[in-house]
N, C-alpha and C. Protein backbone atom coordinates (compact mmCIF):
# COMPACT_ATOMS: atom_id res chain seq x y z
N MET A 1 -3.70 24.02 17.88
CA MET A 1 -4.15 22.86 18.66
C MET A 1 -3.05 21.81 18.73
N ASN A 2 -2.95 21.14 19.88
CA ASN A 2 -1.95 20.08 19.97
C ASN A 2 -2.57 18.73 19.62
N ILE A 3 -1.73 17.70 19.64
CA ILE A 3 -2.18 16.37 19.19
C ILE A 3 -3.34 15.86 20.03
N SER A 4 -3.24 15.96 21.35
CA SER A 4 -4.31 15.42 22.19
C SER A 4 -5.62 16.17 21.98
N GLU A 5 -5.54 17.48 21.77
CA GLU A 5 -6.76 18.26 21.49
C GLU A 5 -7.36 17.85 20.15
N ASN A 6 -6.49 17.61 19.17
CA ASN A 6 -6.97 17.17 17.85
C ASN A 6 -7.70 15.83 17.95
N ILE A 7 -7.11 14.90 18.72
CA ILE A 7 -7.73 13.58 18.90
C ILE A 7 -9.11 13.74 19.54
N LYS A 8 -9.17 14.54 20.60
CA LYS A 8 -10.44 14.73 21.30
C LYS A 8 -11.48 15.37 20.38
N LYS A 9 -11.03 16.31 19.55
CA LYS A 9 -11.93 16.98 18.60
C LYS A 9 -12.54 15.95 17.64
N TYR A 10 -11.70 15.12 17.04
CA TYR A 10 -12.21 14.13 16.09
C TYR A 10 -13.10 13.10 16.77
N ARG A 11 -12.69 12.66 17.93
CA ARG A 11 -13.48 11.64 18.64
C ARG A 11 -14.86 12.17 19.01
N SER A 12 -14.96 13.47 19.29
CA SER A 12 -16.28 14.04 19.62
C SER A 12 -17.10 14.31 18.36
N GLU A 13 -16.41 14.59 17.24
CA GLU A 13 -17.08 14.93 15.97
C GLU A 13 -17.61 13.71 15.23
N LEU A 14 -16.84 12.63 15.27
CA LEU A 14 -17.18 11.48 14.42
C LEU A 14 -18.39 10.74 14.95
N PRO A 15 -19.27 10.27 14.05
CA PRO A 15 -20.40 9.45 14.50
C PRO A 15 -19.89 8.19 15.21
N GLU A 16 -20.73 7.62 16.05
CA GLU A 16 -20.31 6.46 16.86
C GLU A 16 -19.86 5.27 16.03
N ASN A 17 -20.45 5.13 14.84
CA ASN A 17 -20.15 3.96 14.00
C ASN A 17 -18.91 4.15 13.13
N VAL A 18 -18.23 5.30 13.27
CA VAL A 18 -17.06 5.58 12.43
C VAL A 18 -15.79 5.52 13.27
N LYS A 19 -14.88 4.63 12.87
CA LYS A 19 -13.61 4.48 13.61
C LYS A 19 -12.58 5.49 13.08
N LEU A 20 -11.78 6.01 14.00
CA LEU A 20 -10.70 6.92 13.63
C LEU A 20 -9.38 6.17 13.60
N VAL A 21 -8.77 6.12 12.42
CA VAL A 21 -7.43 5.55 12.28
C VAL A 21 -6.46 6.73 12.22
N ALA A 22 -5.63 6.87 13.25
CA ALA A 22 -4.66 7.97 13.29
C ALA A 22 -3.43 7.56 12.46
N ILE A 23 -3.23 8.24 11.34
CA ILE A 23 -2.14 7.89 10.44
C ILE A 23 -0.85 8.53 10.95
N SER A 24 0.02 7.68 11.48
CA SER A 24 1.18 8.17 12.25
C SER A 24 2.50 7.99 11.51
N LYS A 25 2.45 7.74 10.20
CA LYS A 25 3.70 7.51 9.45
C LYS A 25 4.62 8.72 9.55
N THR A 26 5.90 8.44 9.66
CA THR A 26 7.00 9.41 9.82
C THR A 26 7.01 10.12 11.17
N LYS A 27 6.03 9.83 12.03
CA LYS A 27 5.95 10.55 13.30
C LYS A 27 6.70 9.81 14.41
N PRO A 28 7.34 10.56 15.33
CA PRO A 28 8.08 9.91 16.42
C PRO A 28 7.13 9.30 17.45
N ASN A 29 7.68 8.36 18.22
CA ASN A 29 6.87 7.66 19.23
C ASN A 29 6.23 8.61 20.24
N GLU A 30 6.90 9.73 20.56
CA GLU A 30 6.33 10.67 21.53
C GLU A 30 4.99 11.20 21.03
N ASP A 31 4.89 11.45 19.72
CA ASP A 31 3.64 11.97 19.16
C ASP A 31 2.53 10.92 19.27
N LEU A 32 2.88 9.66 18.99
CA LEU A 32 1.88 8.59 19.09
C LEU A 32 1.44 8.42 20.55
N LEU A 33 2.39 8.54 21.48
CA LEU A 33 2.04 8.41 22.90
C LEU A 33 1.12 9.53 23.36
N GLU A 34 1.31 10.73 22.80
CA GLU A 34 0.42 11.84 23.16
C GLU A 34 -1.01 11.52 22.69
N ALA A 35 -1.12 10.98 21.48
CA ALA A 35 -2.44 10.60 20.95
C ALA A 35 -3.01 9.44 21.78
N TYR A 36 -2.15 8.51 22.15
CA TYR A 36 -2.55 7.35 22.96
C TYR A 36 -3.12 7.81 24.31
N ARG A 37 -2.42 8.75 24.92
CA ARG A 37 -2.87 9.25 26.24
C ARG A 37 -4.21 9.99 26.13
N ALA A 38 -4.50 10.50 24.93
CA ALA A 38 -5.80 11.17 24.70
C ALA A 38 -6.90 10.17 24.36
N GLY A 39 -6.55 8.87 24.40
CA GLY A 39 -7.56 7.84 24.19
C GLY A 39 -7.52 7.14 22.85
N GLN A 40 -6.61 7.54 21.97
CA GLN A 40 -6.54 6.91 20.64
C GLN A 40 -5.86 5.53 20.73
N ARG A 41 -6.47 4.53 20.09
CA ARG A 41 -5.89 3.18 20.14
C ARG A 41 -5.60 2.60 18.76
N ILE A 42 -6.16 3.18 17.69
CA ILE A 42 -5.91 2.65 16.35
C ILE A 42 -4.95 3.57 15.61
N PHE A 43 -3.83 3.01 15.19
CA PHE A 43 -2.83 3.78 14.45
C PHE A 43 -2.55 3.11 13.11
N GLY A 44 -2.37 3.93 12.09
CA GLY A 44 -2.12 3.41 10.75
C GLY A 44 -0.75 3.84 10.24
N GLU A 45 -0.05 2.88 9.64
CA GLU A 45 1.28 3.15 9.07
C GLU A 45 1.30 2.67 7.62
N ASN A 46 2.22 3.22 6.82
CA ASN A 46 2.29 2.76 5.43
C ASN A 46 3.61 2.08 5.08
N LYS A 47 4.50 1.96 6.10
CA LYS A 47 5.75 1.23 5.87
C LYS A 47 5.88 0.17 6.97
N ILE A 48 6.05 -1.07 6.54
CA ILE A 48 6.03 -2.19 7.48
C ILE A 48 7.17 -2.10 8.49
N GLN A 49 8.36 -1.73 8.04
CA GLN A 49 9.50 -1.66 8.95
C GLN A 49 9.26 -0.63 10.05
N GLU A 50 8.76 0.54 9.66
CA GLU A 50 8.51 1.60 10.63
C GLU A 50 7.42 1.16 11.62
N MET A 51 6.38 0.51 11.11
CA MET A 51 5.30 0.03 11.97
C MET A 51 5.81 -1.02 12.95
N THR A 52 6.67 -1.92 12.48
CA THR A 52 7.22 -2.97 13.34
C THR A 52 8.07 -2.36 14.46
N ASP A 53 8.89 -1.38 14.12
CA ASP A 53 9.72 -0.70 15.13
C ASP A 53 8.83 -0.07 16.21
N LYS A 54 7.75 0.57 15.77
CA LYS A 54 6.86 1.24 16.73
C LYS A 54 6.12 0.21 17.59
N TRP A 55 5.68 -0.86 16.95
CA TRP A 55 4.98 -1.93 17.69
C TRP A 55 5.85 -2.47 18.83
N GLU A 56 7.14 -2.61 18.56
CA GLU A 56 8.05 -3.17 19.58
C GLU A 56 8.23 -2.22 20.77
N GLN A 57 8.02 -0.93 20.54
CA GLN A 57 8.34 0.06 21.58
C GLN A 57 7.12 0.70 22.26
N LEU A 58 5.95 0.54 21.68
CA LEU A 58 4.77 1.25 22.19
C LEU A 58 3.80 0.30 22.89
N PRO A 59 2.80 0.84 23.59
CA PRO A 59 1.89 -0.01 24.40
C PRO A 59 1.27 -1.16 23.62
N GLU A 60 1.07 -2.25 24.32
CA GLU A 60 0.62 -3.50 23.69
C GLU A 60 -0.82 -3.45 23.19
N ASP A 61 -1.63 -2.56 23.76
CA ASP A 61 -3.05 -2.57 23.36
C ASP A 61 -3.33 -1.68 22.15
N ILE A 62 -2.28 -1.20 21.49
CA ILE A 62 -2.49 -0.45 20.24
C ILE A 62 -2.88 -1.42 19.13
N GLU A 63 -3.85 -0.99 18.34
CA GLU A 63 -4.31 -1.78 17.19
C GLU A 63 -3.63 -1.18 15.95
N TRP A 64 -2.76 -1.98 15.33
CA TRP A 64 -1.97 -1.47 14.19
C TRP A 64 -2.64 -1.79 12.86
N HIS A 65 -2.82 -0.75 12.05
CA HIS A 65 -3.39 -0.92 10.71
C HIS A 65 -2.33 -0.60 9.67
N MET A 66 -2.19 -1.48 8.69
CA MET A 66 -1.30 -1.22 7.56
C MET A 66 -2.13 -0.59 6.46
N VAL A 67 -1.85 0.67 6.14
CA VAL A 67 -2.70 1.38 5.19
C VAL A 67 -2.05 1.56 3.82
N GLY A 68 -0.75 1.28 3.73
CA GLY A 68 -0.05 1.49 2.47
C GLY A 68 -0.04 0.25 1.59
N HIS A 69 0.53 0.41 0.40
CA HIS A 69 0.67 -0.70 -0.53
C HIS A 69 1.62 -1.74 0.08
N VAL A 70 1.24 -3.00 0.01
CA VAL A 70 2.00 -4.06 0.70
C VAL A 70 2.80 -4.90 -0.30
N GLN A 71 4.11 -5.02 -0.03
CA GLN A 71 4.95 -5.94 -0.82
C GLN A 71 4.90 -7.30 -0.13
N ARG A 72 4.73 -8.34 -0.93
CA ARG A 72 4.54 -9.68 -0.35
C ARG A 72 5.72 -10.12 0.50
N ASN A 73 6.95 -9.74 0.10
CA ASN A 73 8.12 -10.21 0.85
C ASN A 73 8.27 -9.53 2.22
N LYS A 74 7.41 -8.55 2.51
CA LYS A 74 7.50 -7.86 3.81
C LYS A 74 6.41 -8.31 4.78
N VAL A 75 5.47 -9.09 4.29
CA VAL A 75 4.31 -9.48 5.13
C VAL A 75 4.76 -10.17 6.41
N LYS A 76 5.81 -10.99 6.32
CA LYS A 76 6.25 -11.78 7.49
C LYS A 76 6.60 -10.91 8.69
N TYR A 77 7.06 -9.66 8.42
CA TYR A 77 7.48 -8.80 9.53
C TYR A 77 6.30 -8.29 10.35
N MET A 78 5.14 -8.10 9.71
CA MET A 78 4.00 -7.56 10.45
C MET A 78 3.00 -8.64 10.87
N ALA A 79 3.17 -9.86 10.34
CA ALA A 79 2.21 -10.93 10.61
C ALA A 79 2.00 -11.22 12.11
N PRO A 80 3.04 -11.06 12.98
CA PRO A 80 2.81 -11.37 14.40
C PRO A 80 1.84 -10.41 15.09
N PHE A 81 1.60 -9.22 14.53
CA PHE A 81 0.85 -8.24 15.31
C PHE A 81 -0.18 -7.41 14.55
N VAL A 82 -0.08 -7.29 13.24
CA VAL A 82 -0.97 -6.35 12.52
C VAL A 82 -2.44 -6.75 12.73
N SER A 83 -3.28 -5.75 12.92
CA SER A 83 -4.69 -6.00 13.21
C SER A 83 -5.55 -5.96 11.94
N LEU A 84 -5.25 -5.00 11.06
CA LEU A 84 -6.03 -4.87 9.83
C LEU A 84 -5.13 -4.37 8.71
N ILE A 85 -5.21 -5.04 7.55
CA ILE A 85 -4.46 -4.61 6.36
C ILE A 85 -5.48 -4.00 5.39
N HIS A 86 -5.33 -2.70 5.11
CA HIS A 86 -6.34 -1.97 4.34
C HIS A 86 -6.24 -2.19 2.83
N ALA A 87 -5.06 -2.45 2.32
CA ALA A 87 -4.86 -2.32 0.88
C ALA A 87 -4.52 -3.63 0.18
N VAL A 88 -5.35 -4.65 0.37
CA VAL A 88 -5.11 -5.93 -0.31
C VAL A 88 -5.63 -5.81 -1.74
N ASP A 89 -4.75 -6.07 -2.71
CA ASP A 89 -5.15 -5.86 -4.10
C ASP A 89 -4.83 -7.05 -5.01
N SER A 90 -4.64 -8.24 -4.40
CA SER A 90 -4.44 -9.43 -5.24
C SER A 90 -4.62 -10.69 -4.40
N LEU A 91 -4.96 -11.77 -5.09
CA LEU A 91 -5.09 -13.07 -4.42
C LEU A 91 -3.72 -13.55 -3.94
N LYS A 92 -2.68 -13.23 -4.71
CA LYS A 92 -1.30 -13.63 -4.33
C LYS A 92 -0.93 -13.04 -2.97
N LEU A 93 -1.27 -11.76 -2.79
CA LEU A 93 -0.97 -11.10 -1.52
C LEU A 93 -1.77 -11.74 -0.39
N LEU A 94 -3.03 -12.03 -0.65
CA LEU A 94 -3.88 -12.66 0.36
C LEU A 94 -3.33 -14.02 0.78
N LYS A 95 -2.83 -14.77 -0.19
CA LYS A 95 -2.23 -16.09 0.10
C LYS A 95 -1.02 -15.94 1.02
N GLU A 96 -0.21 -14.93 0.73
CA GLU A 96 0.98 -14.69 1.56
C GLU A 96 0.58 -14.29 2.99
N ILE A 97 -0.43 -13.44 3.11
CA ILE A 97 -0.90 -13.03 4.44
C ILE A 97 -1.42 -14.25 5.21
N ASN A 98 -2.16 -15.10 4.52
CA ASN A 98 -2.69 -16.31 5.15
C ASN A 98 -1.56 -17.22 5.64
N LYS A 99 -0.56 -17.38 4.78
CA LYS A 99 0.59 -18.25 5.12
C LYS A 99 1.31 -17.73 6.36
N ARG A 100 1.58 -16.42 6.37
CA ARG A 100 2.33 -15.83 7.49
C ARG A 100 1.48 -15.78 8.77
N ALA A 101 0.19 -15.57 8.62
CA ALA A 101 -0.70 -15.59 9.79
C ALA A 101 -0.76 -16.98 10.39
N ARG A 102 -0.79 -17.99 9.53
CA ARG A 102 -0.81 -19.38 10.01
C ARG A 102 0.46 -19.68 10.81
N GLN A 103 1.60 -19.22 10.32
CA GLN A 103 2.87 -19.45 11.03
C GLN A 103 2.86 -18.80 12.42
N ASN A 104 2.08 -17.73 12.54
CA ASN A 104 1.99 -17.02 13.83
C ASN A 104 0.75 -17.42 14.63
N GLU A 105 0.06 -18.45 14.14
CA GLU A 105 -1.13 -18.98 14.82
C GLU A 105 -2.15 -17.89 15.12
N ARG A 106 -2.43 -17.09 14.10
CA ARG A 106 -3.45 -16.05 14.28
C ARG A 106 -4.20 -15.82 12.97
N SER A 107 -5.24 -15.02 13.04
CA SER A 107 -6.01 -14.66 11.85
C SER A 107 -5.87 -13.15 11.65
N ILE A 108 -5.70 -12.74 10.41
CA ILE A 108 -5.51 -11.32 10.10
C ILE A 108 -6.68 -10.82 9.26
N ARG A 109 -7.27 -9.73 9.72
CA ARG A 109 -8.37 -9.12 8.98
C ARG A 109 -7.83 -8.26 7.84
N CYS A 110 -8.55 -8.26 6.73
CA CYS A 110 -8.10 -7.53 5.54
C CYS A 110 -9.25 -6.79 4.88
N LEU A 111 -8.91 -5.72 4.17
CA LEU A 111 -9.85 -5.01 3.31
C LEU A 111 -9.35 -5.13 1.88
N LEU A 112 -10.26 -5.25 0.94
CA LEU A 112 -9.87 -5.24 -0.48
C LEU A 112 -9.89 -3.80 -0.96
N GLN A 113 -8.80 -3.36 -1.58
CA GLN A 113 -8.71 -1.98 -2.07
C GLN A 113 -9.31 -1.89 -3.47
N ILE A 114 -10.38 -1.13 -3.58
CA ILE A 114 -11.04 -0.91 -4.87
C ILE A 114 -10.52 0.39 -5.47
N LYS A 115 -10.16 0.35 -6.74
CA LYS A 115 -9.66 1.57 -7.41
C LYS A 115 -10.83 2.43 -7.83
N ILE A 116 -10.99 3.58 -7.18
CA ILE A 116 -12.09 4.49 -7.53
C ILE A 116 -11.58 5.81 -8.09
N ALA A 117 -10.29 6.10 -7.88
CA ALA A 117 -9.74 7.38 -8.35
C ALA A 117 -9.40 7.33 -9.82
N GLU A 118 -9.37 8.50 -10.44
CA GLU A 118 -9.01 8.58 -11.86
C GLU A 118 -7.49 8.63 -12.05
N GLU A 119 -6.77 8.85 -10.95
CA GLU A 119 -5.30 8.95 -11.06
C GLU A 119 -4.69 7.57 -11.29
N ASP A 120 -3.69 7.51 -12.16
CA ASP A 120 -3.01 6.24 -12.42
C ASP A 120 -2.17 5.80 -11.23
N SER A 121 -1.77 6.76 -10.40
CA SER A 121 -0.84 6.43 -9.31
C SER A 121 -1.49 5.62 -8.20
N LYS A 122 -2.81 5.60 -8.14
CA LYS A 122 -3.48 4.89 -7.06
C LYS A 122 -3.57 3.39 -7.36
N PHE A 123 -3.32 2.59 -6.34
CA PHE A 123 -3.43 1.14 -6.48
C PHE A 123 -4.90 0.73 -6.34
N GLY A 124 -5.16 -0.53 -6.57
CA GLY A 124 -6.51 -1.04 -6.35
C GLY A 124 -6.97 -1.95 -7.46
N ILE A 125 -8.08 -2.64 -7.20
CA ILE A 125 -8.63 -3.57 -8.18
C ILE A 125 -10.06 -3.15 -8.49
N SER A 126 -10.62 -3.74 -9.53
CA SER A 126 -12.01 -3.44 -9.90
C SER A 126 -12.95 -4.25 -9.01
N ALA A 127 -14.22 -3.86 -9.02
CA ALA A 127 -15.22 -4.61 -8.25
C ALA A 127 -15.29 -6.06 -8.73
N GLU A 128 -15.15 -6.25 -10.04
CA GLU A 128 -15.19 -7.61 -10.60
C GLU A 128 -14.03 -8.45 -10.07
N GLU A 129 -12.84 -7.85 -10.03
CA GLU A 129 -11.67 -8.59 -9.52
C GLU A 129 -11.84 -8.91 -8.03
N ALA A 130 -12.44 -7.99 -7.29
CA ALA A 130 -12.69 -8.22 -5.86
C ALA A 130 -13.65 -9.39 -5.68
N ARG A 131 -14.67 -9.42 -6.50
CA ARG A 131 -15.66 -10.50 -6.44
C ARG A 131 -15.00 -11.85 -6.76
N GLU A 132 -14.10 -11.82 -7.74
CA GLU A 132 -13.38 -13.06 -8.11
C GLU A 132 -12.59 -13.60 -6.91
N ILE A 133 -11.95 -12.69 -6.17
CA ILE A 133 -11.18 -13.12 -4.98
C ILE A 133 -12.13 -13.71 -3.93
N LEU A 134 -13.21 -13.01 -3.65
CA LEU A 134 -14.16 -13.47 -2.63
C LEU A 134 -14.82 -14.80 -2.99
N ASP A 135 -15.02 -15.02 -4.28
CA ASP A 135 -15.67 -16.26 -4.74
C ASP A 135 -14.68 -17.40 -4.98
N SER A 136 -13.39 -17.11 -4.88
CA SER A 136 -12.39 -18.11 -5.28
C SER A 136 -12.33 -19.27 -4.30
N GLU A 137 -11.99 -20.42 -4.83
CA GLU A 137 -11.79 -21.61 -4.01
C GLU A 137 -10.61 -21.40 -3.07
N ALA A 138 -9.60 -20.70 -3.59
CA ALA A 138 -8.39 -20.43 -2.79
C ALA A 138 -8.75 -19.67 -1.51
N TYR A 139 -9.58 -18.62 -1.64
CA TYR A 139 -9.96 -17.84 -0.45
C TYR A 139 -10.82 -18.68 0.49
N ALA A 140 -11.70 -19.50 -0.08
CA ALA A 140 -12.58 -20.34 0.75
C ALA A 140 -11.78 -21.28 1.65
N LYS A 141 -10.57 -21.66 1.19
CA LYS A 141 -9.73 -22.58 1.96
C LYS A 141 -8.86 -21.87 3.00
N MET A 142 -8.78 -20.55 2.92
CA MET A 142 -7.89 -19.82 3.83
C MET A 142 -8.51 -19.73 5.22
N GLU A 143 -7.78 -20.20 6.22
CA GLU A 143 -8.30 -20.19 7.58
C GLU A 143 -7.69 -19.10 8.45
N HIS A 144 -6.74 -18.35 7.89
CA HIS A 144 -6.02 -17.38 8.72
C HIS A 144 -6.12 -15.94 8.22
N VAL A 145 -6.98 -15.72 7.24
CA VAL A 145 -7.30 -14.34 6.85
C VAL A 145 -8.82 -14.23 6.76
N LYS A 146 -9.29 -13.02 7.00
CA LYS A 146 -10.72 -12.77 6.86
C LYS A 146 -10.89 -11.40 6.20
N ILE A 147 -11.55 -11.40 5.04
CA ILE A 147 -11.85 -10.13 4.38
C ILE A 147 -13.08 -9.54 5.07
N VAL A 148 -12.92 -8.35 5.65
CA VAL A 148 -13.99 -7.78 6.46
C VAL A 148 -14.58 -6.50 5.86
N GLY A 149 -14.08 -6.12 4.66
CA GLY A 149 -14.63 -4.91 4.06
C GLY A 149 -13.84 -4.45 2.86
N LEU A 150 -14.11 -3.21 2.47
CA LEU A 150 -13.48 -2.60 1.30
C LEU A 150 -12.82 -1.29 1.70
N MET A 151 -11.86 -0.89 0.88
CA MET A 151 -11.17 0.38 1.09
C MET A 151 -11.01 1.09 -0.24
N GLY A 152 -11.02 2.40 -0.23
CA GLY A 152 -10.78 3.15 -1.46
C GLY A 152 -10.20 4.52 -1.17
N MET A 153 -9.47 5.05 -2.15
CA MET A 153 -8.89 6.39 -2.05
C MET A 153 -9.40 7.22 -3.21
N ALA A 154 -9.97 8.37 -2.89
CA ALA A 154 -10.49 9.25 -3.93
C ALA A 154 -9.35 9.98 -4.62
N THR A 155 -9.66 10.56 -5.77
CA THR A 155 -8.69 11.39 -6.50
C THR A 155 -8.24 12.55 -5.62
N PHE A 156 -6.96 12.88 -5.69
CA PHE A 156 -6.41 14.02 -4.93
C PHE A 156 -6.75 15.28 -5.71
N THR A 157 -7.84 15.93 -5.33
CA THR A 157 -8.33 17.09 -6.07
C THR A 157 -9.08 18.03 -5.14
N GLU A 158 -9.18 19.29 -5.55
CA GLU A 158 -9.99 20.26 -4.79
C GLU A 158 -11.47 20.10 -5.10
N ASP A 159 -11.78 19.36 -6.17
CA ASP A 159 -13.15 19.20 -6.64
C ASP A 159 -13.89 18.19 -5.77
N MET A 160 -14.59 18.68 -4.75
CA MET A 160 -15.25 17.78 -3.80
C MET A 160 -16.43 17.04 -4.43
N GLU A 161 -16.96 17.58 -5.50
CA GLU A 161 -18.05 16.86 -6.20
C GLU A 161 -17.51 15.57 -6.83
N GLN A 162 -16.31 15.67 -7.39
CA GLN A 162 -15.69 14.48 -7.97
C GLN A 162 -15.40 13.45 -6.86
N VAL A 163 -14.85 13.93 -5.76
CA VAL A 163 -14.54 13.06 -4.61
C VAL A 163 -15.82 12.37 -4.13
N LYS A 164 -16.88 13.15 -4.04
CA LYS A 164 -18.17 12.61 -3.58
C LYS A 164 -18.67 11.52 -4.54
N ARG A 165 -18.56 11.76 -5.84
CA ARG A 165 -18.99 10.75 -6.83
C ARG A 165 -18.21 9.45 -6.65
N GLU A 166 -16.90 9.58 -6.41
CA GLU A 166 -16.05 8.39 -6.25
C GLU A 166 -16.41 7.63 -4.98
N PHE A 167 -16.66 8.36 -3.89
CA PHE A 167 -17.06 7.71 -2.64
C PHE A 167 -18.44 7.06 -2.77
N GLN A 168 -19.35 7.74 -3.45
CA GLN A 168 -20.69 7.17 -3.65
C GLN A 168 -20.61 5.89 -4.48
N HIS A 169 -19.71 5.90 -5.45
CA HIS A 169 -19.51 4.72 -6.30
C HIS A 169 -19.02 3.54 -5.45
N LEU A 170 -18.06 3.81 -4.55
CA LEU A 170 -17.55 2.75 -3.68
C LEU A 170 -18.63 2.26 -2.71
N LYS A 171 -19.42 3.17 -2.19
CA LYS A 171 -20.50 2.78 -1.26
C LYS A 171 -21.51 1.88 -1.99
N LYS A 172 -21.78 2.19 -3.25
CA LYS A 172 -22.72 1.37 -4.03
C LYS A 172 -22.17 -0.05 -4.19
N ILE A 173 -20.87 -0.14 -4.49
CA ILE A 173 -20.23 -1.47 -4.61
C ILE A 173 -20.33 -2.20 -3.27
N PHE A 174 -20.00 -1.48 -2.20
CA PHE A 174 -20.03 -2.06 -0.85
C PHE A 174 -21.43 -2.62 -0.52
N ASP A 175 -22.46 -1.82 -0.80
CA ASP A 175 -23.83 -2.25 -0.51
C ASP A 175 -24.19 -3.51 -1.30
N GLU A 176 -23.78 -3.54 -2.57
CA GLU A 176 -24.05 -4.73 -3.40
C GLU A 176 -23.32 -5.95 -2.85
N PHE A 177 -22.05 -5.74 -2.47
CA PHE A 177 -21.25 -6.84 -1.93
C PHE A 177 -21.84 -7.38 -0.63
N GLN A 178 -22.33 -6.47 0.21
CA GLN A 178 -22.85 -6.90 1.52
C GLN A 178 -24.00 -7.90 1.40
N LYS A 179 -24.77 -7.78 0.33
CA LYS A 179 -25.88 -8.71 0.12
C LYS A 179 -25.35 -10.14 -0.06
N ASP A 180 -24.23 -10.27 -0.78
CA ASP A 180 -23.66 -11.59 -1.06
C ASP A 180 -22.63 -12.03 -0.03
N TYR A 181 -21.98 -11.06 0.61
CA TYR A 181 -20.90 -11.37 1.56
C TYR A 181 -21.17 -10.60 2.86
N PRO A 182 -22.05 -11.13 3.72
CA PRO A 182 -22.43 -10.39 4.93
C PRO A 182 -21.29 -10.14 5.92
N ASP A 183 -20.16 -10.84 5.75
CA ASP A 183 -19.00 -10.59 6.63
C ASP A 183 -18.38 -9.20 6.38
N LEU A 184 -18.69 -8.60 5.27
CA LEU A 184 -18.10 -7.29 4.95
C LEU A 184 -18.83 -6.21 5.74
N GLN A 185 -18.14 -5.67 6.74
CA GLN A 185 -18.74 -4.68 7.63
C GLN A 185 -18.04 -3.33 7.59
N GLU A 186 -16.79 -3.31 7.12
CA GLU A 186 -16.00 -2.07 7.18
C GLU A 186 -15.85 -1.44 5.79
N LEU A 187 -16.02 -0.12 5.76
CA LEU A 187 -15.77 0.64 4.53
C LEU A 187 -14.81 1.76 4.88
N SER A 188 -13.54 1.56 4.52
CA SER A 188 -12.48 2.50 4.87
C SER A 188 -12.31 3.51 3.74
N MET A 189 -12.82 4.72 3.96
CA MET A 189 -12.62 5.79 2.97
C MET A 189 -12.69 7.14 3.68
N GLY A 190 -11.86 8.05 3.19
CA GLY A 190 -11.80 9.38 3.78
C GLY A 190 -10.50 9.62 4.51
N MET A 191 -9.87 10.78 4.19
CA MET A 191 -8.62 11.18 4.84
C MET A 191 -8.79 12.63 5.33
N SER A 192 -7.70 13.24 5.76
CA SER A 192 -7.80 14.58 6.37
C SER A 192 -8.61 15.56 5.52
N GLY A 193 -8.39 15.55 4.21
CA GLY A 193 -9.03 16.56 3.35
C GLY A 193 -10.45 16.26 2.93
N ASP A 194 -10.87 15.00 3.07
CA ASP A 194 -12.19 14.65 2.52
C ASP A 194 -13.02 13.73 3.43
N TYR A 195 -12.63 13.63 4.71
CA TYR A 195 -13.28 12.65 5.58
C TYR A 195 -14.76 12.97 5.81
N GLN A 196 -15.11 14.27 5.81
CA GLN A 196 -16.52 14.62 6.05
C GLN A 196 -17.40 14.14 4.91
N VAL A 197 -16.90 14.29 3.68
CA VAL A 197 -17.62 13.81 2.50
C VAL A 197 -17.74 12.28 2.58
N ALA A 198 -16.64 11.63 2.99
CA ALA A 198 -16.63 10.16 3.09
C ALA A 198 -17.67 9.67 4.10
N ILE A 199 -17.78 10.36 5.23
CA ILE A 199 -18.76 9.97 6.25
C ILE A 199 -20.18 10.14 5.72
N GLU A 200 -20.41 11.26 5.04
CA GLU A 200 -21.72 11.48 4.40
C GLU A 200 -22.07 10.32 3.46
N CYS A 201 -21.05 9.79 2.80
CA CYS A 201 -21.26 8.74 1.81
C CYS A 201 -21.26 7.33 2.42
N GLY A 202 -21.09 7.23 3.74
CA GLY A 202 -21.24 5.92 4.39
C GLY A 202 -19.97 5.25 4.87
N SER A 203 -18.86 6.00 5.00
CA SER A 203 -17.63 5.42 5.52
C SER A 203 -17.80 4.95 6.96
N THR A 204 -17.14 3.83 7.31
CA THR A 204 -17.16 3.37 8.71
C THR A 204 -15.78 3.55 9.36
N MET A 205 -14.81 4.06 8.56
CA MET A 205 -13.43 4.15 9.05
C MET A 205 -12.72 5.26 8.28
N VAL A 206 -12.23 6.28 8.99
CA VAL A 206 -11.51 7.37 8.32
C VAL A 206 -10.04 7.35 8.73
N ARG A 207 -9.17 7.70 7.78
CA ARG A 207 -7.73 7.63 8.00
C ARG A 207 -7.19 9.07 8.03
N ILE A 208 -6.92 9.56 9.23
CA ILE A 208 -6.54 10.97 9.37
C ILE A 208 -5.14 11.09 9.97
N GLY A 209 -4.27 11.80 9.27
CA GLY A 209 -2.89 11.94 9.72
C GLY A 209 -2.47 13.37 9.97
N SER A 210 -2.31 14.14 8.89
CA SER A 210 -1.73 15.49 9.03
C SER A 210 -2.61 16.42 9.87
N SER A 211 -3.92 16.22 9.86
CA SER A 211 -4.80 17.07 10.67
C SER A 211 -4.69 16.77 12.17
N ILE A 212 -4.11 15.61 12.49
CA ILE A 212 -3.87 15.26 13.90
C ILE A 212 -2.44 15.61 14.30
N PHE A 213 -1.49 15.14 13.49
CA PHE A 213 -0.07 15.22 13.87
C PHE A 213 0.69 16.37 13.22
N GLY A 214 0.06 17.09 12.29
CA GLY A 214 0.78 18.13 11.56
C GLY A 214 1.46 17.54 10.33
N ALA A 215 2.15 18.38 9.58
CA ALA A 215 2.78 17.94 8.33
C ALA A 215 3.75 16.79 8.58
N ARG A 216 3.86 15.92 7.57
CA ARG A 216 4.74 14.74 7.69
C ARG A 216 6.22 15.13 7.71
N ASN A 217 7.00 14.30 8.36
CA ASN A 217 8.45 14.55 8.44
C ASN A 217 9.17 13.72 7.37
N TYR A 218 9.24 14.24 6.16
CA TYR A 218 9.95 13.49 5.09
C TYR A 218 11.39 14.00 5.07
N ASN A 219 12.28 13.21 5.66
CA ASN A 219 13.69 13.64 5.67
C ASN A 219 14.43 13.01 4.52
């Protein structure tokens, strides 16, 4: 199957309430344009420089999502255009996003990354730390960022029962948070290998890359 067929397949398969984020990291602009022509508008990148280069060269109506770990000193490069930052894991980072968004006279939507995987390599914060950020006076004063949901990455394993437990755990946190913070509408969980389980568990946004574009080009 080619890229446009893959996009059409996912768009027909996914429930209406689930957004498809096409993870296009390491992929050339021609591949993104093929997905774009098939109707895809949300693209996710994990390196700010690469995303900025693509933003400058590709159609203006693309919605760019930053899905990777964010270094504070790089926020300024994506602040003029990024639509959603998936992996916010500290108040310091949120402050920097707010500052850079203010300089660009815009508001940037963010997700708090909750650590649900057992692997040490995964970033993220606990539910308690997320609550501290949402309840903080500092966040209450921020006029240029809006936390709109949560994000999580399951353990990289063949054991789908473990993955399901981790996603269910995140959905439980999300449901509890929604009672206190009704602005939280997005739950970003699920990738190429586990997106079906994630949707079963209540994901509203799946991040799919290799199943659309093929293996990554790590040169």
